mmCIF file of all heavy atoms, coordinates in Angstrom:
data_MODEL
# 
_entry.id   MODEL 
# 
loop_
_atom_site.group_PDB 
_atom_site.id 
_atom_site.type_symbol 
_atom_site.label_atom_id 
_atom_site.label_alt_id 
_atom_site.label_comp_id 
_atom_site.label_asym_id 
_atom_site.label_entity_id 
_atom_site.label_seq_id 
_atom_site.pdbx_PDB_ins_code 
_atom_site.Cartn_x 
_atom_site.Cartn_y 
_atom_site.Cartn_z 
_atom_site.occupancy 
_atom_site.B_iso_or_equiv 
_atom_site.pdbx_formal_charge 
_atom_site.auth_seq_id 
_atom_site.auth_comp_id 
_atom_site.auth_asym_id 
_atom_site.auth_atom_id 
_atom_site.pdbx_PDB_model_num 
ATOM 1   N N   . LEU A 1 1  ? -4.650  7.083  1.362   1.00 0.00 ? 1  LEU A N   1 
ATOM 2   C CA  . LEU A 1 1  ? -3.548  7.130  0.482   1.00 0.00 ? 1  LEU A CA  1 
ATOM 3   C C   . LEU A 1 1  ? -3.271  5.699  0.002   1.00 0.00 ? 1  LEU A C   1 
ATOM 4   O O   . LEU A 1 1  ? -2.987  5.389  -1.252  1.00 0.00 ? 1  LEU A O   1 
ATOM 5   C CB  . LEU A 1 1  ? -2.345  7.639  1.210   1.00 0.00 ? 1  LEU A CB  1 
ATOM 6   C CG  . LEU A 1 1  ? -2.409  9.102  1.489   1.00 0.00 ? 1  LEU A CG  1 
ATOM 7   C CD1 . LEU A 1 1  ? -1.149  9.523  2.401   1.00 0.00 ? 1  LEU A CD1 1 
ATOM 8   C CD2 . LEU A 1 1  ? -2.130  9.789  0.099   1.00 0.00 ? 1  LEU A CD2 1 
ATOM 9   N N   . MET A 1 2  ? -3.463  4.701  0.929   1.00 0.00 ? 2  MET A N   1 
ATOM 10  C CA  . MET A 1 2  ? -3.298  3.158  0.457   1.00 0.00 ? 2  MET A CA  1 
ATOM 11  C C   . MET A 1 2  ? -4.335  2.904  -0.538  1.00 0.00 ? 2  MET A C   1 
ATOM 12  O O   . MET A 1 2  ? -4.060  2.248  -1.683  1.00 0.00 ? 2  MET A O   1 
ATOM 13  C CB  . MET A 1 2  ? -3.457  2.321  1.712   1.00 0.00 ? 2  MET A CB  1 
ATOM 14  C CG  . MET A 1 2  ? -2.244  2.500  2.709   1.00 0.00 ? 2  MET A CG  1 
ATOM 15  S SD  . MET A 1 2  ? -0.666  1.936  2.028   1.00 0.00 ? 2  MET A SD  1 
ATOM 16  C CE  . MET A 1 2  ? 0.377   2.272  3.504   1.00 0.00 ? 2  MET A CE  1 
ATOM 17  N N   . LYS A 1 3  ? -5.606  3.282  -0.373  1.00 0.00 ? 3  LYS A N   1 
ATOM 18  C CA  . LYS A 1 3  ? -6.588  3.013  -1.256  1.00 0.00 ? 3  LYS A CA  1 
ATOM 19  C C   . LYS A 1 3  ? -6.431  3.710  -2.753  1.00 0.00 ? 3  LYS A C   1 
ATOM 20  O O   . LYS A 1 3  ? -6.680  3.073  -3.683  1.00 0.00 ? 3  LYS A O   1 
ATOM 21  C CB  . LYS A 1 3  ? -8.036  3.472  -0.637  1.00 0.00 ? 3  LYS A CB  1 
ATOM 22  C CG  . LYS A 1 3  ? -9.214  3.343  -1.582  1.00 0.00 ? 3  LYS A CG  1 
ATOM 23  C CD  . LYS A 1 3  ? -9.547  1.907  -1.917  1.00 0.00 ? 3  LYS A CD  1 
ATOM 24  C CE  . LYS A 1 3  ? -10.815 1.659  -2.577  1.00 0.00 ? 3  LYS A CE  1 
ATOM 25  N NZ  . LYS A 1 3  ? -11.147 0.270  -2.779  1.00 0.00 ? 3  LYS A NZ  1 
ATOM 26  N N   . TRP A 1 4  ? -5.895  4.844  -2.486  1.00 0.00 ? 4  TRP A N   1 
ATOM 27  C CA  . TRP A 1 4  ? -5.678  5.789  -3.758  1.00 0.00 ? 4  TRP A CA  1 
ATOM 28  C C   . TRP A 1 4  ? -4.464  5.050  -4.574  1.00 0.00 ? 4  TRP A C   1 
ATOM 29  O O   . TRP A 1 4  ? -4.717  4.961  -5.845  1.00 0.00 ? 4  TRP A O   1 
ATOM 30  C CB  . TRP A 1 4  ? -5.128  7.214  -3.317  1.00 0.00 ? 4  TRP A CB  1 
ATOM 31  C CG  . TRP A 1 4  ? -5.015  8.090  -4.559  1.00 0.00 ? 4  TRP A CG  1 
ATOM 32  C CD1 . TRP A 1 4  ? -5.722  8.015  -5.822  1.00 0.00 ? 4  TRP A CD1 1 
ATOM 33  C CD2 . TRP A 1 4  ? -4.159  9.219  -4.640  1.00 0.00 ? 4  TRP A CD2 1 
ATOM 34  N NE1 . TRP A 1 4  ? -5.361  9.067  -6.552  1.00 0.00 ? 4  TRP A NE1 1 
ATOM 35  C CE2 . TRP A 1 4  ? -4.344  9.766  -5.982  1.00 0.00 ? 4  TRP A CE2 1 
ATOM 36  C CE3 . TRP A 1 4  ? -3.346  9.932  -3.717  1.00 0.00 ? 4  TRP A CE3 1 
ATOM 37  C CZ2 . TRP A 1 4  ? -3.694  10.985 -6.230  1.00 0.00 ? 4  TRP A CZ2 1 
ATOM 38  C CZ3 . TRP A 1 4  ? -2.709  10.914 -4.074  1.00 0.00 ? 4  TRP A CZ3 1 
ATOM 39  C CH2 . TRP A 1 4  ? -2.877  11.565 -5.416  1.00 0.00 ? 4  TRP A CH2 1 
ATOM 40  N N   . GLY A 1 5  ? -3.476  4.712  -3.970  1.00 0.00 ? 5  GLY A N   1 
ATOM 41  C CA  . GLY A 1 5  ? -2.404  3.985  -4.655  1.00 0.00 ? 5  GLY A CA  1 
ATOM 42  C C   . GLY A 1 5  ? -2.921  2.688  -5.233  1.00 0.00 ? 5  GLY A C   1 
ATOM 43  O O   . GLY A 1 5  ? -2.564  2.321  -6.452  1.00 0.00 ? 5  GLY A O   1 
ATOM 44  N N   . ALA A 1 6  ? -3.742  1.924  -4.629  1.00 0.00 ? 6  ALA A N   1 
ATOM 45  C CA  . ALA A 1 6  ? -4.345  0.643  -5.183  1.00 0.00 ? 6  ALA A CA  1 
ATOM 46  C C   . ALA A 1 6  ? -5.378  0.783  -6.327  1.00 0.00 ? 6  ALA A C   1 
ATOM 47  O O   . ALA A 1 6  ? -5.650  0.049  -7.171  1.00 0.00 ? 6  ALA A O   1 
ATOM 48  C CB  . ALA A 1 6  ? -4.991  -0.100 -4.074  1.00 0.00 ? 6  ALA A CB  1 
ATOM 49  N N   . THR A 1 7  ? -5.817  2.113  -6.393  1.00 0.00 ? 7  THR A N   1 
ATOM 50  C CA  . THR A 1 7  ? -6.828  2.399  -7.545  1.00 0.00 ? 7  THR A CA  1 
ATOM 51  C C   . THR A 1 7  ? -6.004  2.755  -8.756  1.00 0.00 ? 7  THR A C   1 
ATOM 52  O O   . THR A 1 7  ? -6.450  2.680  -9.915  1.00 0.00 ? 7  THR A O   1 
ATOM 53  C CB  . THR A 1 7  ? -7.653  3.568  -7.202  1.00 0.00 ? 7  THR A CB  1 
ATOM 54  O OG1 . THR A 1 7  ? -7.043  4.734  -6.914  1.00 0.00 ? 7  THR A OG1 1 
ATOM 55  C CG2 . THR A 1 7  ? -8.630  3.137  -6.100  1.00 0.00 ? 7  THR A CG2 1 
ATOM 56  N N   . LEU A 1 8  ? -4.599  3.217  -8.679  1.00 0.00 ? 8  LEU A N   1 
ATOM 57  C CA  . LEU A 1 8  ? -3.922  3.712  -9.805  1.00 0.00 ? 8  LEU A CA  1 
ATOM 58  C C   . LEU A 1 8  ? -3.139  2.394  -10.308 1.00 0.00 ? 8  LEU A C   1 
ATOM 59  O O   . LEU A 1 8  ? -2.922  2.419  -11.524 1.00 0.00 ? 8  LEU A O   1 
ATOM 60  C CB  . LEU A 1 8  ? -2.866  4.577  -9.216  1.00 0.00 ? 8  LEU A CB  1 
ATOM 61  C CG  . LEU A 1 8  ? -3.455  5.979  -8.703  1.00 0.00 ? 8  LEU A CG  1 
ATOM 62  C CD1 . LEU A 1 8  ? -2.264  6.887  -8.204  1.00 0.00 ? 8  LEU A CD1 1 
ATOM 63  C CD2 . LEU A 1 8  ? -4.269  6.685  -9.907  1.00 0.00 ? 8  LEU A CD2 1 
ATOM 64  N N   . GLU A 1 9  ? -2.667  1.525  -9.520  1.00 0.00 ? 9  GLU A N   1 
ATOM 65  C CA  . GLU A 1 9  ? -1.948  0.367  -9.864  1.00 0.00 ? 9  GLU A CA  1 
ATOM 66  C C   . GLU A 1 9  ? -2.206  -0.741 -8.987  1.00 0.00 ? 9  GLU A C   1 
ATOM 67  O O   . GLU A 1 9  ? -2.708  -0.461 -7.737  1.00 0.00 ? 9  GLU A O   1 
ATOM 68  C CB  . GLU A 1 9  ? -0.407  0.588  -9.876  1.00 0.00 ? 9  GLU A CB  1 
ATOM 69  C CG  . GLU A 1 9  ? 0.114   1.660  -10.826 1.00 0.00 ? 9  GLU A CG  1 
ATOM 70  C CD  . GLU A 1 9  ? 1.536   1.970  -10.777 1.00 0.00 ? 9  GLU A CD  1 
ATOM 71  O OE1 . GLU A 1 9  ? 2.239   1.269  -9.942  1.00 0.00 ? 9  GLU A OE1 1 
ATOM 72  O OE2 . GLU A 1 9  ? 2.041   2.725  -11.320 1.00 0.00 ? 9  GLU A OE2 1 
ATOM 73  N N   . PRO A 1 10 ? -2.159  -2.018 -9.417  1.00 0.00 ? 10 PRO A N   1 
ATOM 74  C CA  . PRO A 1 10 ? -2.368  -3.203 -8.401  1.00 0.00 ? 10 PRO A CA  1 
ATOM 75  C C   . PRO A 1 10 ? -1.435  -3.063 -7.272  1.00 0.00 ? 10 PRO A C   1 
ATOM 76  O O   . PRO A 1 10 ? -0.237  -3.097 -7.404  1.00 0.00 ? 10 PRO A O   1 
ATOM 77  C CB  . PRO A 1 10 ? -2.133  -4.426 -9.292  1.00 0.00 ? 10 PRO A CB  1 
ATOM 78  C CG  . PRO A 1 10 ? -2.276  -3.972 -10.673 1.00 0.00 ? 10 PRO A CG  1 
ATOM 79  C CD  . PRO A 1 10 ? -1.764  -2.584 -10.774 1.00 0.00 ? 10 PRO A CD  1 
ATOM 80  N N   . VAL A 1 11 ? -1.949  -3.089 -6.054  1.00 0.00 ? 11 VAL A N   1 
ATOM 81  C CA  . VAL A 1 11 ? -1.229  -3.063 -4.764  1.00 0.00 ? 11 VAL A CA  1 
ATOM 82  C C   . VAL A 1 11 ? -1.759  -4.104 -3.937  1.00 0.00 ? 11 VAL A C   1 
ATOM 83  O O   . VAL A 1 11 ? -3.016  -4.111 -3.659  1.00 0.00 ? 11 VAL A O   1 
ATOM 84  C CB  . VAL A 1 11 ? -1.342  -1.810 -4.028  1.00 0.00 ? 11 VAL A CB  1 
ATOM 85  C CG1 . VAL A 1 11 ? -0.479  -1.782 -2.775  1.00 0.00 ? 11 VAL A CG1 1 
ATOM 86  C CG2 . VAL A 1 11 ? -0.765  -0.717 -5.019  1.00 0.00 ? 11 VAL A CG2 1 
ATOM 87  N N   . SER A 1 12 ? -0.963  -5.143 -3.434  1.00 0.00 ? 12 SER A N   1 
ATOM 88  C CA  . SER A 1 12 ? -1.590  -6.214 -2.636  1.00 0.00 ? 12 SER A CA  1 
ATOM 89  C C   . SER A 1 12 ? -1.579  -5.722 -1.281  1.00 0.00 ? 12 SER A C   1 
ATOM 90  O O   . SER A 1 12 ? -1.024  -4.628 -0.825  1.00 0.00 ? 12 SER A O   1 
ATOM 91  C CB  . SER A 1 12 ? -0.622  -7.290 -2.767  1.00 0.00 ? 12 SER A CB  1 
ATOM 92  O OG  . SER A 1 12 ? 0.697   -7.156 -2.160  1.00 0.00 ? 12 SER A OG  1 
ATOM 93  N N   . ALA A 1 13 ? -2.392  -6.487 -0.434  1.00 0.00 ? 13 ALA A N   1 
ATOM 94  C CA  . ALA A 1 13 ? -2.433  -6.171 1.101   1.00 0.00 ? 13 ALA A CA  1 
ATOM 95  C C   . ALA A 1 13 ? -1.073  -6.227 1.680   1.00 0.00 ? 13 ALA A C   1 
ATOM 96  O O   . ALA A 1 13 ? -0.842  -5.445 2.535   1.00 0.00 ? 13 ALA A O   1 
ATOM 97  C CB  . ALA A 1 13 ? -3.534  -7.042 1.752   1.00 0.00 ? 13 ALA A CB  1 
ATOM 98  N N   . GLY A 1 14 ? -0.292  -7.227 1.331   1.00 0.00 ? 14 GLY A N   1 
ATOM 99  C CA  . GLY A 1 14 ? 1.057   -7.434 1.871   1.00 0.00 ? 14 GLY A CA  1 
ATOM 100 C C   . GLY A 1 14 ? 1.894   -6.191 1.657   1.00 0.00 ? 14 GLY A C   1 
ATOM 101 O O   . GLY A 1 14 ? 2.620   -5.811 2.588   1.00 0.00 ? 14 GLY A O   1 
ATOM 102 N N   . GLU A 1 15 ? 1.790   -5.626 0.329   1.00 0.00 ? 15 GLU A N   1 
ATOM 103 C CA  . GLU A 1 15 ? 2.598   -4.400 0.108   1.00 0.00 ? 15 GLU A CA  1 
ATOM 104 C C   . GLU A 1 15 ? 2.198   -3.272 0.987   1.00 0.00 ? 15 GLU A C   1 
ATOM 105 O O   . GLU A 1 15 ? 2.883   -2.548 1.437   1.00 0.00 ? 15 GLU A O   1 
ATOM 106 C CB  . GLU A 1 15 ? 2.496   -3.939 -1.390  1.00 0.00 ? 15 GLU A CB  1 
ATOM 107 C CG  . GLU A 1 15 ? 3.173   -5.007 -2.225  1.00 0.00 ? 15 GLU A CG  1 
ATOM 108 C CD  . GLU A 1 15 ? 2.862   -4.665 -3.741  1.00 0.00 ? 15 GLU A CD  1 
ATOM 109 O OE1 . GLU A 1 15 ? 1.789   -4.807 -4.226  1.00 0.00 ? 15 GLU A OE1 1 
ATOM 110 O OE2 . GLU A 1 15 ? 3.781   -4.172 -4.383  1.00 0.00 ? 15 GLU A OE2 1 
ATOM 111 N N   . MET A 1 16 ? 0.845   -3.132 1.178   1.00 0.00 ? 16 MET A N   1 
ATOM 112 C CA  . MET A 1 16 ? 0.253   -2.006 2.152   1.00 0.00 ? 16 MET A CA  1 
ATOM 113 C C   . MET A 1 16 ? 0.798   -2.201 3.496   1.00 0.00 ? 16 MET A C   1 
ATOM 114 O O   . MET A 1 16 ? 1.323   -1.236 4.210   1.00 0.00 ? 16 MET A O   1 
ATOM 115 C CB  . MET A 1 16 ? -1.181  -2.121 2.089   1.00 0.00 ? 16 MET A CB  1 
ATOM 116 C CG  . MET A 1 16 ? -1.850  -1.827 0.793   1.00 0.00 ? 16 MET A CG  1 
ATOM 117 S SD  . MET A 1 16 ? -3.706  -1.744 0.951   1.00 0.00 ? 16 MET A SD  1 
ATOM 118 C CE  . MET A 1 16 ? -4.289  -1.292 -0.612  1.00 0.00 ? 16 MET A CE  1 
ATOM 119 N N   . VAL A 1 17 ? 0.813   -3.435 4.007   1.00 0.00 ? 17 VAL A N   1 
ATOM 120 C CA  . VAL A 1 17 ? 1.368   -3.656 5.399   1.00 0.00 ? 17 VAL A CA  1 
ATOM 121 C C   . VAL A 1 17 ? 2.750   -3.365 5.482   1.00 0.00 ? 17 VAL A C   1 
ATOM 122 O O   . VAL A 1 17 ? 3.307   -2.663 6.405   1.00 0.00 ? 17 VAL A O   1 
ATOM 123 C CB  . VAL A 1 17 ? 1.149   -5.214 5.825   1.00 0.00 ? 17 VAL A CB  1 
ATOM 124 C CG1 . VAL A 1 17 ? 1.811   -5.428 7.194   1.00 0.00 ? 17 VAL A CG1 1 
ATOM 125 C CG2 . VAL A 1 17 ? -0.386  -5.410 5.929   1.00 0.00 ? 17 VAL A CG2 1 
ATOM 126 N N   . PHE A 1 18 ? 3.605   -3.762 4.397   1.00 0.00 ? 18 PHE A N   1 
ATOM 127 C CA  . PHE A 1 18 ? 4.996   -3.493 4.407   1.00 0.00 ? 18 PHE A CA  1 
ATOM 128 C C   . PHE A 1 18 ? 5.251   -2.011 4.304   1.00 0.00 ? 18 PHE A C   1 
ATOM 129 O O   . PHE A 1 18 ? 6.148   -1.447 5.043   1.00 0.00 ? 18 PHE A O   1 
ATOM 130 C CB  . PHE A 1 18 ? 5.601   -4.149 3.149   1.00 0.00 ? 18 PHE A CB  1 
ATOM 131 C CG  . PHE A 1 18 ? 7.244   -4.046 3.080   1.00 0.00 ? 18 PHE A CG  1 
ATOM 132 C CD1 . PHE A 1 18 ? 7.946   -4.474 4.128   1.00 0.00 ? 18 PHE A CD1 1 
ATOM 133 C CD2 . PHE A 1 18 ? 7.642   -3.280 2.053   1.00 0.00 ? 18 PHE A CD2 1 
ATOM 134 C CE1 . PHE A 1 18 ? 9.382   -4.351 4.028   1.00 0.00 ? 18 PHE A CE1 1 
ATOM 135 C CE2 . PHE A 1 18 ? 9.030   -3.256 2.041   1.00 0.00 ? 18 PHE A CE2 1 
ATOM 136 C CZ  . PHE A 1 18 ? 9.869   -3.725 3.041   1.00 0.00 ? 18 PHE A CZ  1 
ATOM 137 N N   . SER A 1 19 ? 4.578   -1.249 3.482   1.00 0.00 ? 19 SER A N   1 
ATOM 138 C CA  . SER A 1 19 ? 4.655   0.176  3.388   1.00 0.00 ? 19 SER A CA  1 
ATOM 139 C C   . SER A 1 19 ? 4.418   0.862  4.644   1.00 0.00 ? 19 SER A C   1 
ATOM 140 O O   . SER A 1 19 ? 5.175   1.820  5.175   1.00 0.00 ? 19 SER A O   1 
ATOM 141 C CB  . SER A 1 19 ? 3.870   0.819  2.285   1.00 0.00 ? 19 SER A CB  1 
ATOM 142 O OG  . SER A 1 19 ? 4.211   0.240  1.075   1.00 0.00 ? 19 SER A OG  1 
ATOM 143 N N   . ARG A 1 20 ? 3.347   0.433  5.310   1.00 0.00 ? 20 ARG A N   1 
ATOM 144 C CA  . ARG A 1 20 ? 2.965   1.071  6.558   1.00 0.00 ? 20 ARG A CA  1 
ATOM 145 C C   . ARG A 1 20 ? 3.978   0.897  7.737   1.00 0.00 ? 20 ARG A C   1 
ATOM 146 O O   . ARG A 1 20 ? 4.179   1.840  8.555   1.00 0.00 ? 20 ARG A O   1 
ATOM 147 C CB  . ARG A 1 20 ? 1.626   0.393  7.064   1.00 0.00 ? 20 ARG A CB  1 
ATOM 148 C CG  . ARG A 1 20 ? 1.064   1.021  8.415   1.00 0.00 ? 20 ARG A CG  1 
ATOM 149 C CD  . ARG A 1 20 ? 0.020   0.252  8.950   1.00 0.00 ? 20 ARG A CD  1 
ATOM 150 N NE  . ARG A 1 20 ? -0.650  0.890  10.102  1.00 0.00 ? 20 ARG A NE  1 
ATOM 151 C CZ  . ARG A 1 20 ? -0.245  0.674  11.382  1.00 0.00 ? 20 ARG A CZ  1 
ATOM 152 N NH1 . ARG A 1 20 ? 0.801   -0.053 11.627  1.00 0.00 ? 20 ARG A NH1 1 
ATOM 153 N NH2 . ARG A 1 20 ? -0.787  1.320  12.318  1.00 0.00 ? 20 ARG A NH2 1 
ATOM 154 N N   . SER A 1 21 ? 4.585   -0.318 7.650   1.00 0.00 ? 21 SER A N   1 
ATOM 155 C CA  . SER A 1 21 ? 5.546   -0.554 8.832   1.00 0.00 ? 21 SER A CA  1 
ATOM 156 C C   . SER A 1 21 ? 6.941   0.019  8.512   1.00 0.00 ? 21 SER A C   1 
ATOM 157 O O   . SER A 1 21 ? 7.655   0.656  9.247   1.00 0.00 ? 21 SER A O   1 
ATOM 158 C CB  . SER A 1 21 ? 5.682   -2.032 9.063   1.00 0.00 ? 21 SER A CB  1 
ATOM 159 O OG  . SER A 1 21 ? 5.886   -2.747 7.856   1.00 0.00 ? 21 SER A OG  1 
ATOM 160 N N   . LEU A 1 22 ? 7.291   -0.112 7.114   1.00 0.00 ? 22 LEU A N   1 
ATOM 161 C CA  . LEU A 1 22 ? 8.635   0.399  6.833   1.00 0.00 ? 22 LEU A CA  1 
ATOM 162 C C   . LEU A 1 22 ? 8.894   1.800  6.841   1.00 0.00 ? 22 LEU A C   1 
ATOM 163 O O   . LEU A 1 22 ? 9.789   2.372  7.435   1.00 0.00 ? 22 LEU A O   1 
ATOM 164 C CB  . LEU A 1 22 ? 8.962   -0.071 5.362   1.00 0.00 ? 22 LEU A CB  1 
ATOM 165 C CG  . LEU A 1 22 ? 10.165  0.447  4.687   1.00 0.00 ? 22 LEU A CG  1 
ATOM 166 C CD1 . LEU A 1 22 ? 11.377  -0.276 5.407   1.00 0.00 ? 22 LEU A CD1 1 
ATOM 167 C CD2 . LEU A 1 22 ? 10.453  0.077  3.203   1.00 0.00 ? 22 LEU A CD2 1 
ATOM 168 N N   . PHE A 1 23 ? 7.901   2.609  6.432   1.00 0.00 ? 23 PHE A N   1 
ATOM 169 C CA  . PHE A 1 23 ? 7.923   3.994  6.465   1.00 0.00 ? 23 PHE A CA  1 
ATOM 170 C C   . PHE A 1 23 ? 7.374   4.665  7.765   1.00 0.00 ? 23 PHE A C   1 
ATOM 171 O O   . PHE A 1 23 ? 7.692   5.860  7.979   1.00 0.00 ? 23 PHE A O   1 
ATOM 172 C CB  . PHE A 1 23 ? 7.128   4.662  5.304   1.00 0.00 ? 23 PHE A CB  1 
ATOM 173 C CG  . PHE A 1 23 ? 7.824   4.295  3.863   1.00 0.00 ? 23 PHE A CG  1 
ATOM 174 C CD1 . PHE A 1 23 ? 7.155   3.294  3.162   1.00 0.00 ? 23 PHE A CD1 1 
ATOM 175 C CD2 . PHE A 1 23 ? 9.027   4.896  3.602   1.00 0.00 ? 23 PHE A CD2 1 
ATOM 176 C CE1 . PHE A 1 23 ? 7.816   3.014  1.887   1.00 0.00 ? 23 PHE A CE1 1 
ATOM 177 C CE2 . PHE A 1 23 ? 9.566   4.532  2.378   1.00 0.00 ? 23 PHE A CE2 1 
ATOM 178 C CZ  . PHE A 1 23 ? 8.965   3.578  1.554   1.00 0.00 ? 23 PHE A CZ  1 
ATOM 179 N N   . GLY A 1 24 ? 6.627   3.837  8.510   1.00 0.00 ? 24 GLY A N   1 
ATOM 180 C CA  . GLY A 1 24 ? 6.184   4.357  9.815   1.00 0.00 ? 24 GLY A CA  1 
ATOM 181 C C   . GLY A 1 24 ? 7.213   4.059  10.921  1.00 0.00 ? 24 GLY A C   1 
ATOM 182 O O   . GLY A 1 24 ? 7.139   4.698  11.982  1.00 0.00 ? 24 GLY A O   1 
# 
């Protein structure tokens, strides 16, 4: 899902880490 989101729009590694922790 993180990879899919990054293929649709620019998503930084920091945003991925933040999303993983915030919603997890």
